[in-house]
Amino acid sequence: ALVAMLLDSNAFGEPRYASVETRILLAPDQYHWPLYVPPASARLRGIAREWKPDILFVHTPDVAIVAGWARLKVPSVQVIHCYWDASSGNPLKEAWRRAVARWAFGRLGRRGILVARHMEEDSSGYLDCPGNRFRCVENGVDLQTFSFARR
């Protein structure tokens, strides 16, 4: 398995992940919006040429932009972990963010995986696509498998 990460987050440092090969797209000092997009995209293209992945799972909006800019010819899916309504209070900035998110989602084939069913309406509206472009793979723990003590 290979994981390409935008920045080194030490996400796979535990011994059980020793077999996971990681590649970093950017050095921390290169992470300046939007200047980091072209070099990170070039690095991702190089990794894809070398590794030849069957599918690309994109886990953050920043990486969706990088992958969209990279123009990879690899089936892609964006995993959506968040609501899209976080507001900076600046309507122009929010319109720009929405336009870029829609562009990136479109470049990746308009396929998304939601981590919770109730995120479909929000994601569908924000990304301007029908709900059937999403599938839900719920995160979490089945609480029925545990016994709990009353507090």
N, C-alpha and C. Protein backbone atom coordinates (compact mmCIF):
# COMPACT_ATOMS: atom_id res chain seq x y z
N ALA A 1 0.84 -1.18 0.00
CA ALA A 1 0.00 0.00 0.00
C ALA A 1 0.88 1.24 0.00
N LEU A 2 0.39 2.29 -0.63
CA LEU A 2 1.11 3.55 -0.66
C LEU A 2 0.14 4.67 -0.31
N VAL A 3 0.58 5.58 0.53
CA VAL A 3 -0.21 6.74 0.90
C VAL A 3 0.60 7.98 0.56
N ALA A 4 0.01 8.85 -0.23
CA ALA A 4 0.63 10.15 -0.53
C ALA A 4 -0.07 11.18 0.35
N MET A 5 0.70 11.91 1.13
CA MET A 5 0.15 12.91 2.04
C MET A 5 0.62 14.29 1.62
N LEU A 6 -0.24 15.28 1.77
CA LEU A 6 0.12 16.64 1.42
C LEU A 6 1.32 17.09 2.25
N LEU A 7 1.23 16.90 3.56
CA LEU A 7 2.31 17.26 4.48
C LEU A 7 2.60 16.05 5.37
N ASP A 8 3.79 15.99 5.91
CA ASP A 8 4.15 14.88 6.79
C ASP A 8 3.44 15.06 8.13
N SER A 9 2.49 14.18 8.40
CA SER A 9 1.73 14.27 9.65
C SER A 9 2.07 13.13 10.60
N ASN A 10 3.04 12.33 10.27
CA ASN A 10 3.41 11.17 11.09
C ASN A 10 2.20 10.27 11.36
N ALA A 11 1.28 10.21 10.42
CA ALA A 11 0.03 9.46 10.61
C ALA A 11 0.23 7.96 10.63
N PHE A 12 1.35 7.48 10.10
CA PHE A 12 1.56 6.04 10.01
C PHE A 12 2.82 5.63 10.75
N GLY A 13 3.04 6.23 11.91
CA GLY A 13 4.25 5.96 12.68
C GLY A 13 4.20 4.72 13.54
N GLU A 14 3.01 4.16 13.79
CA GLU A 14 2.90 2.99 14.65
C GLU A 14 3.48 1.76 13.97
N PRO A 15 4.01 0.83 14.74
CA PRO A 15 4.62 -0.38 14.16
C PRO A 15 3.68 -1.17 13.25
N ARG A 16 2.38 -1.18 13.55
CA ARG A 16 1.46 -1.97 12.72
C ARG A 16 1.32 -1.40 11.31
N TYR A 17 1.75 -0.16 11.11
CA TYR A 17 1.70 0.45 9.78
C TYR A 17 3.07 0.45 9.10
N ALA A 18 3.98 -0.35 9.59
CA ALA A 18 5.34 -0.35 9.05
C ALA A 18 5.38 -0.68 7.56
N SER A 19 4.42 -1.44 7.06
CA SER A 19 4.43 -1.81 5.65
C SER A 19 3.80 -0.75 4.75
N VAL A 20 3.23 0.30 5.33
CA VAL A 20 2.60 1.35 4.53
C VAL A 20 3.67 2.32 4.06
N GLU A 21 3.86 2.36 2.76
CA GLU A 21 4.82 3.30 2.19
C GLU A 21 4.15 4.66 2.07
N THR A 22 4.82 5.69 2.52
CA THR A 22 4.26 7.04 2.45
C THR A 22 5.15 7.93 1.59
N ARG A 23 4.50 8.83 0.90
CA ARG A 23 5.20 9.85 0.12
C ARG A 23 4.60 11.19 0.51
N ILE A 24 5.44 12.15 0.68
CA ILE A 24 5.02 13.49 1.09
C ILE A 24 5.05 14.40 -0.15
N LEU A 25 3.97 15.16 -0.35
CA LEU A 25 3.88 16.02 -1.52
C LEU A 25 4.58 17.36 -1.32
N LEU A 26 4.62 17.86 -0.09
CA LEU A 26 5.18 19.18 0.17
C LEU A 26 6.01 19.22 1.44
N ALA A 27 7.02 20.07 1.43
CA ALA A 27 7.72 20.41 2.66
C ALA A 27 6.86 21.46 3.37
N PRO A 28 6.89 21.51 4.71
CA PRO A 28 6.05 22.48 5.43
C PRO A 28 6.22 23.93 4.98
N ASP A 29 7.43 24.31 4.60
CA ASP A 29 7.65 25.70 4.18
C ASP A 29 7.07 26.01 2.80
N GLN A 30 6.60 25.01 2.07
CA GLN A 30 5.98 25.21 0.76
C GLN A 30 4.46 25.35 0.86
N TYR A 31 3.89 25.16 2.03
CA TYR A 31 2.43 25.14 2.20
C TYR A 31 1.88 26.56 2.32
N HIS A 32 1.73 27.21 1.18
CA HIS A 32 1.17 28.56 1.11
C HIS A 32 0.13 28.58 -0.01
N TRP A 33 -1.14 28.80 0.37
CA TRP A 33 -2.23 28.80 -0.60
C TRP A 33 -2.11 30.02 -1.50
N PRO A 34 -2.32 29.92 -2.77
CA PRO A 34 -2.50 28.73 -3.61
C PRO A 34 -1.21 28.25 -4.25
N LEU A 35 -0.09 28.83 -3.81
CA LEU A 35 1.20 28.54 -4.45
C LEU A 35 1.62 27.07 -4.34
N TYR A 36 1.12 26.36 -3.33
CA TYR A 36 1.53 24.97 -3.16
C TYR A 36 0.86 24.02 -4.16
N VAL A 37 -0.23 24.45 -4.80
CA VAL A 37 -1.00 23.54 -5.66
C VAL A 37 -0.17 23.01 -6.83
N PRO A 38 0.47 23.85 -7.65
CA PRO A 38 1.23 23.29 -8.79
C PRO A 38 2.37 22.34 -8.39
N PRO A 39 3.23 22.68 -7.41
CA PRO A 39 4.29 21.72 -7.08
C PRO A 39 3.76 20.43 -6.45
N ALA A 40 2.73 20.52 -5.62
CA ALA A 40 2.16 19.31 -5.03
C ALA A 40 1.51 18.46 -6.11
N SER A 41 0.88 19.09 -7.08
CA SER A 41 0.27 18.35 -8.18
C SER A 41 1.33 17.65 -9.04
N ALA A 42 2.42 18.34 -9.29
CA ALA A 42 3.52 17.73 -10.06
C ALA A 42 4.08 16.52 -9.33
N ARG A 43 4.25 16.65 -8.03
CA ARG A 43 4.76 15.53 -7.23
C ARG A 43 3.77 14.36 -7.26
N LEU A 44 2.47 14.65 -7.15
CA LEU A 44 1.46 13.61 -7.20
C LEU A 44 1.46 12.91 -8.56
N ARG A 45 1.60 13.68 -9.65
CA ARG A 45 1.69 13.08 -10.98
C ARG A 45 2.87 12.13 -11.08
N GLY A 46 4.01 12.53 -10.53
CA GLY A 46 5.19 11.67 -10.54
C GLY A 46 4.97 10.39 -9.75
N ILE A 47 4.35 10.51 -8.60
CA ILE A 47 4.05 9.33 -7.78
C ILE A 47 3.10 8.40 -8.53
N ALA A 48 2.07 8.98 -9.17
CA ALA A 48 1.10 8.16 -9.91
C ALA A 48 1.75 7.46 -11.10
N ARG A 49 2.66 8.15 -11.80
CA ARG A 49 3.37 7.51 -12.92
C ARG A 49 4.19 6.32 -12.44
N GLU A 50 4.85 6.49 -11.31
CA GLU A 50 5.71 5.44 -10.77
C GLU A 50 4.89 4.29 -10.19
N TRP A 51 3.88 4.61 -9.43
CA TRP A 51 3.14 3.60 -8.68
C TRP A 51 2.00 2.97 -9.47
N LYS A 52 1.39 3.72 -10.40
CA LYS A 52 0.26 3.26 -11.22
C LYS A 52 -0.91 2.76 -10.36
N PRO A 53 -1.51 3.62 -9.56
CA PRO A 53 -2.60 3.20 -8.68
C PRO A 53 -3.86 2.82 -9.47
N ASP A 54 -4.64 1.92 -8.89
CA ASP A 54 -5.92 1.54 -9.48
C ASP A 54 -7.00 2.57 -9.17
N ILE A 55 -6.87 3.22 -8.02
CA ILE A 55 -7.85 4.22 -7.60
C ILE A 55 -7.17 5.21 -6.67
N LEU A 56 -7.68 6.41 -6.66
CA LEU A 56 -7.16 7.46 -5.79
C LEU A 56 -8.26 7.85 -4.81
N PHE A 57 -8.01 7.68 -3.53
CA PHE A 57 -8.92 8.14 -2.49
C PHE A 57 -8.38 9.45 -1.96
N VAL A 58 -9.19 10.49 -2.03
CA VAL A 58 -8.78 11.82 -1.61
C VAL A 58 -9.53 12.14 -0.33
N HIS A 59 -8.79 12.52 0.72
CA HIS A 59 -9.40 12.66 2.03
C HIS A 59 -9.54 14.08 2.55
N THR A 60 -9.05 15.08 1.84
CA THR A 60 -9.24 16.45 2.31
C THR A 60 -9.55 17.35 1.12
N PRO A 61 -10.25 18.46 1.36
CA PRO A 61 -10.49 19.39 0.25
C PRO A 61 -9.21 19.93 -0.38
N ASP A 62 -8.17 20.17 0.42
CA ASP A 62 -6.89 20.65 -0.13
C ASP A 62 -6.31 19.64 -1.11
N VAL A 63 -6.33 18.38 -0.75
CA VAL A 63 -5.77 17.35 -1.63
C VAL A 63 -6.67 17.14 -2.85
N ALA A 64 -7.98 17.36 -2.71
CA ALA A 64 -8.86 17.28 -3.88
C ALA A 64 -8.45 18.33 -4.91
N ILE A 65 -8.10 19.51 -4.46
CA ILE A 65 -7.65 20.56 -5.37
C ILE A 65 -6.34 20.14 -6.04
N VAL A 66 -5.42 19.63 -5.26
CA VAL A 66 -4.13 19.17 -5.80
C VAL A 66 -4.36 18.06 -6.83
N ALA A 67 -5.18 17.08 -6.49
CA ALA A 67 -5.45 15.97 -7.41
C ALA A 67 -6.18 16.45 -8.66
N GLY A 68 -7.11 17.38 -8.51
CA GLY A 68 -7.79 17.94 -9.67
C GLY A 68 -6.83 18.65 -10.60
N TRP A 69 -5.91 19.41 -10.03
CA TRP A 69 -4.92 20.14 -10.81
C TRP A 69 -3.96 19.18 -11.50
N ALA A 70 -3.70 18.04 -10.88
CA ALA A 70 -2.74 17.06 -11.42
C ALA A 70 -3.24 16.38 -12.69
N ARG A 71 -4.56 16.40 -12.91
CA ARG A 71 -5.15 15.79 -14.11
C ARG A 71 -4.75 14.33 -14.28
N LEU A 72 -4.85 13.58 -13.21
CA LEU A 72 -4.51 12.16 -13.28
C LEU A 72 -5.59 11.41 -14.05
N LYS A 73 -5.20 10.39 -14.73
CA LYS A 73 -6.15 9.54 -15.44
C LYS A 73 -6.39 8.27 -14.61
N VAL A 74 -6.75 8.51 -13.37
CA VAL A 74 -6.99 7.43 -12.40
C VAL A 74 -8.38 7.65 -11.82
N PRO A 75 -9.21 6.62 -11.75
CA PRO A 75 -10.51 6.81 -11.08
C PRO A 75 -10.28 7.34 -9.67
N SER A 76 -11.07 8.33 -9.29
CA SER A 76 -10.87 8.99 -8.00
C SER A 76 -12.18 9.10 -7.24
N VAL A 77 -12.06 9.09 -5.92
CA VAL A 77 -13.19 9.24 -5.03
C VAL A 77 -12.77 10.19 -3.92
N GLN A 78 -13.61 11.17 -3.65
CA GLN A 78 -13.32 12.09 -2.55
C GLN A 78 -14.08 11.64 -1.31
N VAL A 79 -13.37 11.40 -0.24
CA VAL A 79 -13.98 11.03 1.02
C VAL A 79 -14.29 12.32 1.77
N ILE A 80 -15.56 12.49 2.12
CA ILE A 80 -15.99 13.74 2.75
C ILE A 80 -16.24 13.48 4.23
N HIS A 81 -15.42 14.14 5.05
CA HIS A 81 -15.46 13.96 6.50
C HIS A 81 -16.13 15.10 7.22
N CYS A 82 -16.50 16.15 6.50
CA CYS A 82 -16.94 17.37 7.18
C CYS A 82 -18.16 17.96 6.52
N TYR A 83 -18.77 18.89 7.22
CA TYR A 83 -19.82 19.71 6.63
C TYR A 83 -19.15 20.82 5.86
N TRP A 84 -19.83 21.30 4.86
CA TRP A 84 -19.26 22.32 3.99
C TRP A 84 -19.63 23.73 4.41
N ASP A 85 -20.35 23.91 5.50
CA ASP A 85 -20.89 25.23 5.81
C ASP A 85 -20.00 26.09 6.70
N ALA A 86 -18.76 25.70 6.95
CA ALA A 86 -17.88 26.53 7.77
C ALA A 86 -17.71 27.88 7.08
N SER A 87 -17.98 28.94 7.77
CA SER A 87 -17.98 30.25 7.14
C SER A 87 -16.90 31.14 7.73
N SER A 88 -16.26 31.87 6.86
CA SER A 88 -15.25 32.84 7.30
C SER A 88 -15.90 34.19 7.58
N GLY A 89 -17.19 34.33 7.22
CA GLY A 89 -17.86 35.61 7.38
C GLY A 89 -17.70 36.51 6.16
N ASN A 90 -16.92 36.07 5.19
CA ASN A 90 -16.68 36.85 3.99
C ASN A 90 -17.39 36.16 2.82
N PRO A 91 -18.52 36.71 2.34
CA PRO A 91 -19.29 36.05 1.28
C PRO A 91 -18.50 35.79 0.00
N LEU A 92 -17.62 36.72 -0.38
CA LEU A 92 -16.82 36.53 -1.58
C LEU A 92 -15.86 35.35 -1.42
N LYS A 93 -15.24 35.29 -0.26
CA LYS A 93 -14.30 34.19 0.03
C LYS A 93 -15.05 32.86 0.04
N GLU A 94 -16.24 32.84 0.62
CA GLU A 94 -17.03 31.61 0.67
C GLU A 94 -17.47 31.17 -0.72
N ALA A 95 -17.86 32.13 -1.57
CA ALA A 95 -18.23 31.79 -2.95
C ALA A 95 -17.04 31.21 -3.70
N TRP A 96 -15.86 31.76 -3.46
CA TRP A 96 -14.64 31.26 -4.09
C TRP A 96 -14.34 29.84 -3.62
N ARG A 97 -14.44 29.59 -2.30
CA ARG A 97 -14.20 28.25 -1.76
C ARG A 97 -15.16 27.23 -2.36
N ARG A 98 -16.41 27.62 -2.45
CA ARG A 98 -17.42 26.71 -3.01
C ARG A 98 -17.11 26.41 -4.47
N ALA A 99 -16.77 27.43 -5.24
CA ALA A 99 -16.45 27.24 -6.65
C ALA A 99 -15.24 26.32 -6.83
N VAL A 100 -14.22 26.50 -6.02
CA VAL A 100 -13.03 25.65 -6.11
C VAL A 100 -13.35 24.22 -5.69
N ALA A 101 -14.15 24.05 -4.63
CA ALA A 101 -14.54 22.70 -4.19
C ALA A 101 -15.34 21.99 -5.27
N ARG A 102 -16.26 22.72 -5.91
CA ARG A 102 -17.05 22.13 -6.99
C ARG A 102 -16.17 21.76 -8.18
N TRP A 103 -15.23 22.64 -8.51
CA TRP A 103 -14.31 22.36 -9.61
C TRP A 103 -13.51 21.10 -9.33
N ALA A 104 -12.94 21.01 -8.12
CA ALA A 104 -12.11 19.84 -7.77
C ALA A 104 -12.95 18.57 -7.77
N PHE A 105 -14.15 18.62 -7.20
CA PHE A 105 -15.02 17.45 -7.17
C PHE A 105 -15.37 17.00 -8.59
N GLY A 106 -15.60 17.96 -9.46
CA GLY A 106 -15.87 17.63 -10.85
C GLY A 106 -14.68 17.01 -11.54
N ARG A 107 -13.50 17.53 -11.28
CA ARG A 107 -12.28 16.98 -11.89
C ARG A 107 -12.01 15.56 -11.43
N LEU A 108 -12.45 15.24 -10.22
CA LEU A 108 -12.23 13.89 -9.67
C LEU A 108 -13.33 12.92 -10.08
N GLY A 109 -14.25 13.34 -10.92
CA GLY A 109 -15.28 12.44 -11.41
C GLY A 109 -16.60 12.51 -10.69
N ARG A 110 -16.73 13.47 -9.76
CA ARG A 110 -17.99 13.68 -9.02
C ARG A 110 -18.45 12.40 -8.32
N ARG A 111 -17.52 11.77 -7.62
CA ARG A 111 -17.83 10.58 -6.81
C ARG A 111 -17.36 10.85 -5.39
N GLY A 112 -18.26 10.64 -4.44
CA GLY A 112 -17.91 10.92 -3.06
C GLY A 112 -18.33 9.81 -2.12
N ILE A 113 -17.58 9.67 -1.07
CA ILE A 113 -17.92 8.77 0.03
C ILE A 113 -18.15 9.64 1.25
N LEU A 114 -19.31 9.51 1.85
CA LEU A 114 -19.64 10.25 3.06
C LEU A 114 -19.41 9.36 4.26
N VAL A 115 -19.00 9.95 5.37
CA VAL A 115 -18.76 9.17 6.58
C VAL A 115 -20.00 9.09 7.46
N ALA A 116 -21.08 9.77 7.07
CA ALA A 116 -22.35 9.72 7.80
C ALA A 116 -23.48 10.05 6.84
N ARG A 117 -24.58 9.33 6.95
CA ARG A 117 -25.71 9.51 6.02
C ARG A 117 -26.29 10.93 6.03
N HIS A 118 -26.31 11.54 7.19
CA HIS A 118 -26.93 12.87 7.28
C HIS A 118 -26.11 13.97 6.58
N MET A 119 -24.95 13.65 6.04
CA MET A 119 -24.13 14.62 5.33
C MET A 119 -24.48 14.72 3.84
N GLU A 120 -25.37 13.84 3.37
CA GLU A 120 -25.67 13.80 1.93
C GLU A 120 -26.28 15.11 1.42
N GLU A 121 -27.28 15.61 2.10
CA GLU A 121 -27.95 16.82 1.63
C GLU A 121 -26.99 18.02 1.61
N ASP A 122 -26.21 18.18 2.67
CA ASP A 122 -25.26 19.27 2.75
C ASP A 122 -24.22 19.16 1.63
N SER A 123 -23.67 17.97 1.43
CA SER A 123 -22.64 17.77 0.41
C SER A 123 -23.20 17.93 -0.99
N SER A 124 -24.39 17.41 -1.21
CA SER A 124 -25.05 17.53 -2.51
C SER A 124 -25.28 18.99 -2.87
N GLY A 125 -25.77 19.76 -1.92
CA GLY A 125 -26.01 21.18 -2.16
C GLY A 125 -24.74 21.97 -2.37
N TYR A 126 -23.76 21.74 -1.52
CA TYR A 126 -22.52 22.51 -1.60
C TYR A 126 -21.77 22.21 -2.89
N LEU A 127 -21.73 20.93 -3.27
CA LEU A 127 -20.97 20.53 -4.45
C LEU A 127 -21.81 20.54 -5.72
N ASP A 128 -23.10 20.91 -5.59
CA ASP A 128 -24.01 21.03 -6.72
C ASP A 128 -24.06 19.76 -7.57
N CYS A 129 -24.39 18.67 -6.91
CA CYS A 129 -24.53 17.41 -7.63
C CYS A 129 -25.60 16.58 -6.95
N PRO A 130 -26.20 15.65 -7.69
CA PRO A 130 -27.25 14.83 -7.10
C PRO A 130 -26.72 13.91 -6.01
N GLY A 131 -27.59 13.57 -5.09
CA GLY A 131 -27.22 12.70 -3.98
C GLY A 131 -26.74 11.33 -4.40
N ASN A 132 -27.12 10.88 -5.61
CA ASN A 132 -26.69 9.54 -6.04
C ASN A 132 -25.22 9.50 -6.43
N ARG A 133 -24.53 10.64 -6.36
CA ARG A 133 -23.08 10.66 -6.61
C ARG A 133 -22.30 10.32 -5.34
N PHE A 134 -23.01 10.09 -4.25
CA PHE A 134 -22.38 9.78 -2.96
C PHE A 134 -22.77 8.39 -2.49
N ARG A 135 -21.87 7.77 -1.79
CA ARG A 135 -22.15 6.53 -1.07
C ARG A 135 -21.73 6.78 0.37
N CYS A 136 -22.39 6.12 1.27
CA CYS A 136 -22.07 6.31 2.68
C CYS A 136 -21.33 5.09 3.22
N VAL A 137 -20.21 5.32 3.82
CA VAL A 137 -19.46 4.31 4.56
C VAL A 137 -19.26 4.93 5.93
N GLU A 138 -20.14 4.56 6.84
CA GLU A 138 -20.16 5.24 8.13
C GLU A 138 -18.92 4.94 8.96
N ASN A 139 -18.37 6.01 9.50
CA ASN A 139 -17.29 5.88 10.47
C ASN A 139 -17.91 5.58 11.82
N GLY A 140 -17.10 5.18 12.72
CA GLY A 140 -17.60 5.03 14.08
C GLY A 140 -17.44 3.63 14.61
N VAL A 141 -17.98 3.46 15.78
CA VAL A 141 -17.88 2.22 16.53
C VAL A 141 -19.29 1.73 16.80
N ASP A 142 -19.52 0.47 16.62
CA ASP A 142 -20.83 -0.11 16.93
C ASP A 142 -20.95 -0.18 18.45
N LEU A 143 -21.72 0.71 19.03
CA LEU A 143 -21.84 0.79 20.48
C LEU A 143 -22.55 -0.43 21.07
N GLN A 144 -23.27 -1.17 20.25
CA GLN A 144 -23.96 -2.37 20.74
C GLN A 144 -22.98 -3.46 21.16
N THR A 145 -21.74 -3.38 20.72
CA THR A 145 -20.75 -4.41 21.06
C THR A 145 -20.10 -4.19 22.42
N PHE A 146 -20.44 -3.08 23.08
CA PHE A 146 -19.84 -2.75 24.36
C PHE A 146 -20.91 -2.68 25.45
N SER A 147 -20.51 -3.01 26.64
CA SER A 147 -21.42 -2.81 27.77
C SER A 147 -20.95 -1.55 28.52
N PHE A 148 -21.91 -0.76 28.95
CA PHE A 148 -21.58 0.50 29.57
C PHE A 148 -22.10 0.52 31.01
N ALA A 149 -21.33 1.17 31.86
CA ALA A 149 -21.74 1.36 33.25
C ALA A 149 -22.42 2.72 33.34
N ARG A 150 -23.45 2.81 34.12
CA ARG A 150 -24.13 4.10 34.33
C ARG A 150 -23.20 5.03 35.08
N ARG A 151 -23.26 6.29 34.77
CA ARG A 151 -22.42 7.28 35.46
C ARG A 151 -23.08 7.72 36.72
